PDB file of N, CA and C in Angstrom:
ATOM      1  N   MET A   1      -7.850 -16.925 -10.666  1.00  0.00           N
ATOM      2  CA  MET A   1      -8.430 -16.265  -9.973  1.00  0.00           C
ATOM      3  C   MET A   1      -9.476 -15.649  -9.077  1.00  0.00           C
ATOM      4  N   LEU A   2      -9.562 -16.040  -7.920  1.00  0.00           N
ATOM      5  CA  LEU A   2     -10.752 -15.346  -6.998  1.00  0.00           C
ATOM      6  C   LEU A   2     -11.298 -14.463  -7.163  1.00  0.00           C
ATOM      7  N   ASP A   3     -12.857 -14.374  -7.482  1.00  0.00           N
ATOM      8  CA  ASP A   3     -13.399 -13.144  -7.156  1.00  0.00           C
ATOM      9  C   ASP A   3     -13.239 -12.358  -5.971  1.00  0.00           C
ATOM     10  N   LEU A   4     -13.350 -10.789  -6.074  1.00  0.00           N
ATOM     11  CA  LEU A   4     -12.689 -10.152  -4.636  1.00  0.00           C
ATOM     12  C   LEU A   4     -13.846 -10.273  -3.845  1.00  0.00           C
ATOM     13  N   TYR A   5     -14.892 -11.025  -3.528  1.00  0.00           N
ATOM     14  CA  TYR A   5     -15.788 -11.296  -2.562  1.00  0.00           C
ATOM     15  C   TYR A   5     -15.343 -12.665  -2.026  1.00  0.00           C
ATOM     16  N   GLN A   6     -14.413 -13.533  -2.674  1.00  0.00           N
ATOM     17  CA  GLN A   6     -13.907 -14.753  -2.436  1.00  0.00           C
ATOM     18  C   GLN A   6     -12.884 -14.771  -1.162  1.00  0.00           C
ATOM     19  N   TYR A   7     -12.041 -13.343  -1.456  1.00  0.00           N
ATOM     20  CA  TYR A   7     -11.139 -13.342  -0.380  1.00  0.00           C
ATOM     21  C   TYR A   7     -11.262 -13.452   1.111  1.00  0.00           C
ATOM     22  N   GLU A   8     -12.426 -13.133   1.531  1.00  0.00           N
ATOM     23  CA  GLU A   8     -12.654 -13.226   2.711  1.00  0.00           C
ATOM     24  C   GLU A   8     -12.511 -14.615   3.280  1.00  0.00           C
ATOM     25  N   THR A   9     -12.573 -15.766   2.800  1.00  0.00           N
ATOM     26  CA  THR A   9     -12.610 -17.659   3.201  1.00  0.00           C
ATOM     27  C   THR A   9     -11.141 -17.588   2.209  1.00  0.00           C
ATOM     28  N   ALA A  10     -10.493 -16.812   1.882  1.00  0.00           N
ATOM     29  CA  ALA A  10      -9.330 -17.696   0.575  1.00  0.00           C
ATOM     30  C   ALA A  10      -8.494 -18.506   1.753  1.00  0.00           C
ATOM     31  N   THR A  11      -7.585 -18.921   1.289  1.00  0.00           N
ATOM     32  CA  THR A  11      -6.163 -19.999   1.679  1.00  0.00           C
ATOM     33  C   THR A  11      -5.153 -18.997   2.055  1.00  0.00           C
ATOM     34  N   LYS A  12      -4.348 -19.241   2.137  1.00  0.00           N
ATOM     35  CA  LYS A  12      -3.176 -18.584   2.553  1.00  0.00           C
ATOM     36  C   LYS A  12      -3.024 -19.103   0.584  1.00  0.00           C
ATOM     37  N   GLU A  13      -2.729 -20.039   0.470  1.00  0.00           N
ATOM     38  CA  GLU A  13      -1.989 -20.342  -0.721  1.00  0.00           C
ATOM     39  C   GLU A  13      -3.030 -20.030  -2.081  1.00  0.00           C
ATOM     40  N   GLU A  14      -4.457 -20.054  -1.661  1.00  0.00           N
ATOM     41  CA  GLU A  14      -4.737 -19.041  -2.512  1.00  0.00           C
ATOM     42  C   GLU A  14      -4.796 -17.837  -2.930  1.00  0.00           C
ATOM     43  N   CYS A  15      -4.148 -17.254  -1.968  1.00  0.00           N
ATOM     44  CA  CYS A  15      -3.894 -15.402  -1.851  1.00  0.00           C
ATOM     45  C   CYS A  15      -2.511 -15.684  -2.566  1.00  0.00           C
ATOM     46  N   GLU A  16      -1.830 -16.863  -1.874  1.00  0.00           N
ATOM     47  CA  GLU A  16       0.017 -16.426  -2.641  1.00  0.00           C
ATOM     48  C   GLU A  16      -0.162 -16.667  -4.346  1.00  0.00           C
ATOM     49  N   LEU A  17      -1.205 -17.703  -4.747  1.00  0.00           N
ATOM     50  CA  LEU A  17      -0.886 -17.727  -6.445  1.00  0.00           C
ATOM     51  C   LEU A  17      -1.568 -16.430  -6.961  1.00  0.00           C
ATOM     52  N   ASP A  18      -2.639 -15.731  -6.398  1.00  0.00           N
ATOM     53  CA  ASP A  18      -3.730 -14.957  -7.235  1.00  0.00           C
ATOM     54  C   ASP A  18      -2.544 -13.652  -7.427  1.00  0.00           C
ATOM     55  N   LEU A  19      -1.599 -13.396  -6.094  1.00  0.00           N
ATOM     56  CA  LEU A  19      -0.915 -12.799  -6.230  1.00  0.00           C
ATOM     57  C   LEU A  19       0.398 -13.037  -6.747  1.00  0.00           C
ATOM     58  N   ALA A  20       0.760 -13.992  -7.114  1.00  0.00           N
ATOM     59  CA  ALA A  20       1.678 -14.307  -8.046  1.00  0.00           C
ATOM     60  C   ALA A  20       1.246 -14.048  -9.751  1.00  0.00           C
ATOM     61  N   ASP A  21      -0.115 -14.639 -10.045  1.00  0.00           N
ATOM     62  CA  ASP A  21      -0.520 -14.138 -11.143  1.00  0.00           C
ATOM     63  C   ASP A  21      -0.376 -12.922 -10.986  1.00  0.00           C
ATOM     64  N   ILE A  22      -0.745 -12.030 -10.524  1.00  0.00           N
ATOM     65  CA  ILE A  22      -0.883 -10.316 -10.273  1.00  0.00           C
ATOM     66  C   ILE A  22       0.462  -9.973 -10.585  1.00  0.00           C
ATOM     67  N   ILE A  23       1.485 -10.267 -10.316  1.00  0.00           N
ATOM     68  CA  ILE A  23       2.887  -9.995 -10.084  1.00  0.00           C
ATOM     69  C   ILE A  23       3.085 -10.042 -11.892  1.00  0.00           C
ATOM     70  N   ASP A  24       2.655 -11.350 -12.405  1.00  0.00           N
ATOM     71  CA  ASP A  24       3.040 -11.747 -13.664  1.00  0.00           C
ATOM     72  C   ASP A  24       2.434 -10.397 -14.501  1.00  0.00           C
ATOM     73  N   TYR A  25       1.174 -10.272 -14.725  1.00  0.00           N
ATOM     74  CA  TYR A  25       0.784  -9.595 -14.785  1.00  0.00           C
ATOM     75  C   TYR A  25       0.779  -8.037 -15.458  1.00  0.00           C
ATOM     76  N   LEU A  26       1.429  -7.770 -13.761  1.00  0.00           N
ATOM     77  CA  LEU A  26       2.061  -5.848 -13.755  1.00  0.00           C
ATOM     78  C   LEU A  26       3.336  -6.202 -14.566  1.00  0.00           C
ATOM     79  N   ASP A  27       4.224  -7.296 -14.578  1.00  0.00           N
ATOM     80  CA  ASP A  27       5.539  -7.242 -15.584  1.00  0.00           C
ATOM     81  C   ASP A  27       4.913  -7.189 -16.588  1.00  0.00           C
ATOM     82  N   LYS A  28       4.496  -7.728 -17.476  1.00  0.00           N
ATOM     83  CA  LYS A  28       3.802  -7.656 -18.458  1.00  0.00           C
ATOM     84  C   LYS A  28       3.629  -5.870 -18.953  1.00  0.00           C
ATOM     85  N   TYR A  29       2.623  -5.457 -18.250  1.00  0.00           N
ATOM     86  CA  TYR A  29       2.307  -3.792 -18.514  1.00  0.00           C
ATOM     87  C   TYR A  29       3.055  -2.871 -18.083  1.00  0.00           C
ATOM     88  N   LEU A  30       3.836  -3.387 -17.280  1.00  0.00           N
ATOM     89  CA  LEU A  30       4.994  -2.147 -16.700  1.00  0.00           C
ATOM     90  C   LEU A  30       5.944  -2.129 -18.016  1.00  0.00           C
ATOM     91  N   THR A  31       6.260  -3.054 -18.829  1.00  0.00           N
ATOM     92  CA  THR A  31       6.830  -3.173 -20.027  1.00  0.00           C
ATOM     93  C   THR A  31       6.315  -2.448 -20.953  1.00  0.00           C
ATOM     94  N   ASN A  32       4.858  -2.455 -21.051  1.00  0.00           N
ATOM     95  CA  ASN A  32       4.098  -1.714 -21.893  1.00  0.00           C
ATOM     96  C   ASN A  32       4.106  -0.200 -21.569  1.00  0.00           C
ATOM     97  N   LEU A  33       4.334   0.024 -20.120  1.00  0.00           N
ATOM     98  CA  LEU A  33       4.351   1.091 -20.168  1.00  0.00           C
ATOM     99  C   LEU A  33       5.509   2.166 -20.402  1.00  0.00           C
ATOM    100  N   CYS A  34       6.495   1.466 -20.117  1.00  0.00           N
ATOM    101  CA  CYS A  34       7.880   1.646 -20.597  1.00  0.00           C
ATOM    102  C   CYS A  34       7.848   2.084 -21.839  1.00  0.00           C
ATOM    103  N   ASN A  35       7.307   1.205 -22.683  1.00  0.00           N
ATOM    104  CA  ASN A  35       7.703   1.517 -24.098  1.00  0.00           C
ATOM    105  C   ASN A  35       6.821   2.168 -24.952  1.00  0.00           C
ATOM    106  N   ARG A  36       6.013   2.384 -24.296  1.00  0.00           N
ATOM    107  CA  ARG A  36       4.249   3.123 -25.576  1.00  0.00           C
ATOM    108  C   ARG A  36       3.348   3.807 -24.439  1.00  0.00           C
ATOM    109  N   GLY A  37       3.316   3.144 -23.348  1.00  0.00           N
ATOM    110  CA  GLY A  37       2.285   3.794 -22.476  1.00  0.00           C
ATOM    111  C   GLY A  37       0.575   2.751 -22.470  1.00  0.00           C
ATOM    112  N   LEU A  38      -0.020   2.951 -21.520  1.00  0.00           N
ATOM    113  CA  LEU A  38      -0.850   2.367 -21.264  1.00  0.00           C
ATOM    114  C   LEU A  38      -2.299   3.047 -21.830  1.00  0.00           C
ATOM    115  N   ASP A  39      -3.221   2.549 -22.533  1.00  0.00           N
ATOM    116  CA  ASP A  39      -4.173   2.727 -23.314  1.00  0.00           C
ATOM    117  C   ASP A  39      -5.674   2.768 -21.863  1.00  0.00           C
ATOM    118  N   SER A  40      -6.405   3.279 -21.893  1.00  0.00           N
ATOM    119  CA  SER A  40      -7.499   3.629 -20.825  1.00  0.00           C
ATOM    120  C   SER A  40      -7.701   1.471 -19.959  1.00  0.00           C
ATOM    121  N   ASP A  41      -7.723   1.410 -21.307  1.00  0.00           N
ATOM    122  CA  ASP A  41      -8.337  -0.037 -20.753  1.00  0.00           C
ATOM    123  C   ASP A  41      -7.608  -0.970 -19.532  1.00  0.00           C
ATOM    124  N   GLU A  42      -5.566  -0.516 -20.279  1.00  0.00           N
ATOM    125  CA  GLU A  42      -5.116  -0.938 -19.768  1.00  0.00           C
ATOM    126  C   GLU A  42      -5.135  -1.091 -18.177  1.00  0.00           C
ATOM    127  N   ILE A  43      -5.267   0.841 -17.804  1.00  0.00           N
ATOM    128  CA  ILE A  43      -4.866   1.566 -17.115  1.00  0.00           C
ATOM    129  C   ILE A  43      -6.622   1.054 -16.146  1.00  0.00           C
ATOM    130  N   ASN A  44      -7.623   0.784 -16.418  1.00  0.00           N
ATOM    131  CA  ASN A  44      -8.649   0.343 -15.681  1.00  0.00           C
ATOM    132  C   ASN A  44      -8.360  -1.110 -15.419  1.00  0.00           C
ATOM    133  N   ALA A  45      -7.556  -1.980 -16.155  1.00  0.00           N
ATOM    134  CA  ALA A  45      -7.470  -3.459 -15.273  1.00  0.00           C
ATOM    135  C   ALA A  45      -6.527  -3.391 -14.500  1.00  0.00           C
ATOM    136  N   LEU A  46      -5.705  -2.292 -14.933  1.00  0.00           N
ATOM    137  CA  LEU A  46      -4.492  -1.792 -13.550  1.00  0.00           C
ATOM    138  C   LEU A  46      -4.944  -1.984 -12.446  1.00  0.00           C
ATOM    139  N   GLU A  47      -6.163  -0.725 -12.432  1.00  0.00           N
ATOM    140  CA  GLU A  47      -6.794  -0.546 -11.013  1.00  0.00           C
ATOM    141  C   GLU A  47      -7.506  -1.434 -10.060  1.00  0.00           C
ATOM    142  N   LYS A  48      -8.175  -2.173 -11.374  1.00  0.00           N
ATOM    143  CA  LYS A  48      -8.249  -3.773 -10.677  1.00  0.00           C
ATOM    144  C   LYS A  48      -7.920  -4.510 -10.040  1.00  0.00           C
ATOM    145  N   LYS A  49      -6.455  -4.559 -10.782  1.00  0.00           N
ATOM    146  CA  LYS A  49      -5.417  -5.249 -10.137  1.00  0.00           C
ATOM    147  C   LYS A  49      -5.168  -4.961  -8.097  1.00  0.00           C
ATOM    148  N   GLY A  50      -5.258  -3.591  -8.358  1.00  0.00           N
ATOM    149  CA  GLY A  50      -4.592  -3.031  -7.201  1.00  0.00           C
ATOM    150  C   GLY A  50      -5.615  -3.350  -6.420  1.00  0.00           C
ATOM    151  N   GLU A  51      -7.274  -3.332  -6.265  1.00  0.00           N
ATOM    152  CA  GLU A  51      -7.986  -3.919  -5.566  1.00  0.00           C
ATOM    153  C   GLU A  51      -7.853  -5.085  -5.012  1.00  0.00           C
ATOM    154  N   ARG A  52      -7.586  -6.192  -6.084  1.00  0.00           N
ATOM    155  CA  ARG A  52      -6.953  -7.360  -5.594  1.00  0.00           C
ATOM    156  C   ARG A  52      -6.154  -7.357  -4.546  1.00  0.00           C
ATOM    157  N   ILE A  53      -5.374  -6.626  -5.008  1.00  0.00           N
ATOM    158  CA  ILE A  53      -3.814  -7.077  -4.006  1.00  0.00           C
ATOM    159  C   ILE A  53      -4.351  -5.893  -2.454  1.00  0.00           C
ATOM    160  N   ILE A  54      -5.335  -4.867  -2.408  1.00  0.00           N
ATOM    161  CA  ILE A  54      -5.676  -4.902  -1.373  1.00  0.00           C
ATOM    162  C   ILE A  54      -6.236  -5.998  -0.358  1.00  0.00           C
ATOM    163  N   GLU A  55      -6.982  -6.688  -1.083  1.00  0.00           N
ATOM    164  CA  GLU A  55      -8.028  -7.144  -0.752  1.00  0.00           C
ATOM    165  C   GLU A  55      -6.962  -8.858  -0.046  1.00  0.00           C
ATOM    166  N   ILE A  56      -6.134  -9.111  -0.957  1.00  0.00           N
ATOM    167  CA  ILE A  56      -5.137 -10.441  -0.436  1.00  0.00           C
ATOM    168  C   ILE A  56      -4.317 -10.050   0.519  1.00  0.00           C
ATOM    169  N   ALA A  57      -3.791  -9.170   0.754  1.00  0.00           N
ATOM    170  CA  ALA A  57      -3.426  -8.361   1.887  1.00  0.00           C
ATOM    171  C   ALA A  57      -4.050  -8.421   3.419  1.00  0.00           C
ATOM    172  N   LYS A  58      -5.223  -7.947   3.155  1.00  0.00           N
ATOM    173  CA  LYS A  58      -6.229  -7.725   4.029  1.00  0.00           C
ATOM    174  C   LYS A  58      -6.155  -9.686   4.561  1.00  0.00           C
ATOM    175  N   ARG A  59      -6.407 -10.535   3.899  1.00  0.00           N
ATOM    176  CA  ARG A  59      -6.843 -11.524   4.338  1.00  0.00           C
ATOM    177  C   ARG A  59      -5.299 -12.395   4.503  1.00  0.00           C
ATOM    178  N   LEU A  60      -4.590 -11.613   3.743  1.00  0.00           N
ATOM    179  CA  LEU A  60      -3.072 -12.633   4.534  1.00  0.00           C
ATOM    180  C   LEU A  60      -3.234 -11.737   5.774  1.00  0.00           C
ATOM    181  N   LYS A  61      -3.418 -10.626   5.998  1.00  0.00           N
ATOM    182  CA  LYS A  61      -2.738  -9.891   7.707  1.00  0.00           C
ATOM    183  C   LYS A  61      -4.035 -10.852   8.272  1.00  0.00           C
ATOM    184  N   GLU A  62      -5.075 -11.514   8.095  1.00  0.00           N
ATOM    185  CA  GLU A  62      -6.305 -11.808   8.608  1.00  0.00           C
ATOM    186  C   GLU A  62      -5.786 -13.439   9.314  1.00  0.00           C
ATOM    187  N   ILE A  63      -5.472 -13.816   8.607  1.00  0.00           N
ATOM    188  CA  ILE A  63      -4.787 -15.400   8.603  1.00  0.00           C
ATOM    189  C   ILE A  63      -3.593 -15.060   9.633  1.00  0.00           C
ATOM    190  N   LYS A  64      -2.557 -14.421   9.648  1.00  0.00           N
ATOM    191  CA  LYS A  64      -1.169 -14.193  10.292  1.00  0.00           C
ATOM    192  C   LYS A  64      -2.062 -13.947  12.149  1.00  0.00           C
ATOM    193  N   GLU A  65      -3.105 -13.211  11.454  1.00  0.00           N
ATOM    194  CA  GLU A  65      -3.645 -12.639  13.231  1.00  0.00           C
ATOM    195  C   GLU A  65      -4.145 -13.912  13.836  1.00  0.00           C
TER     196      GLU A  65
END
């Protein structure tokens, strides 16, 4: 997975791979959320994944334009 600052120059393929990893991660934690709720560390991790999704979306938009 790329560092946040690396998304500025990431390729479409790199963005797609990282997005797939994030989706897999979220799928696992959504199951936990439904079963027991999330602890504060998991909530922080989800917040960081959200930041990554935003950066990936920005980069994919730039690539498309």
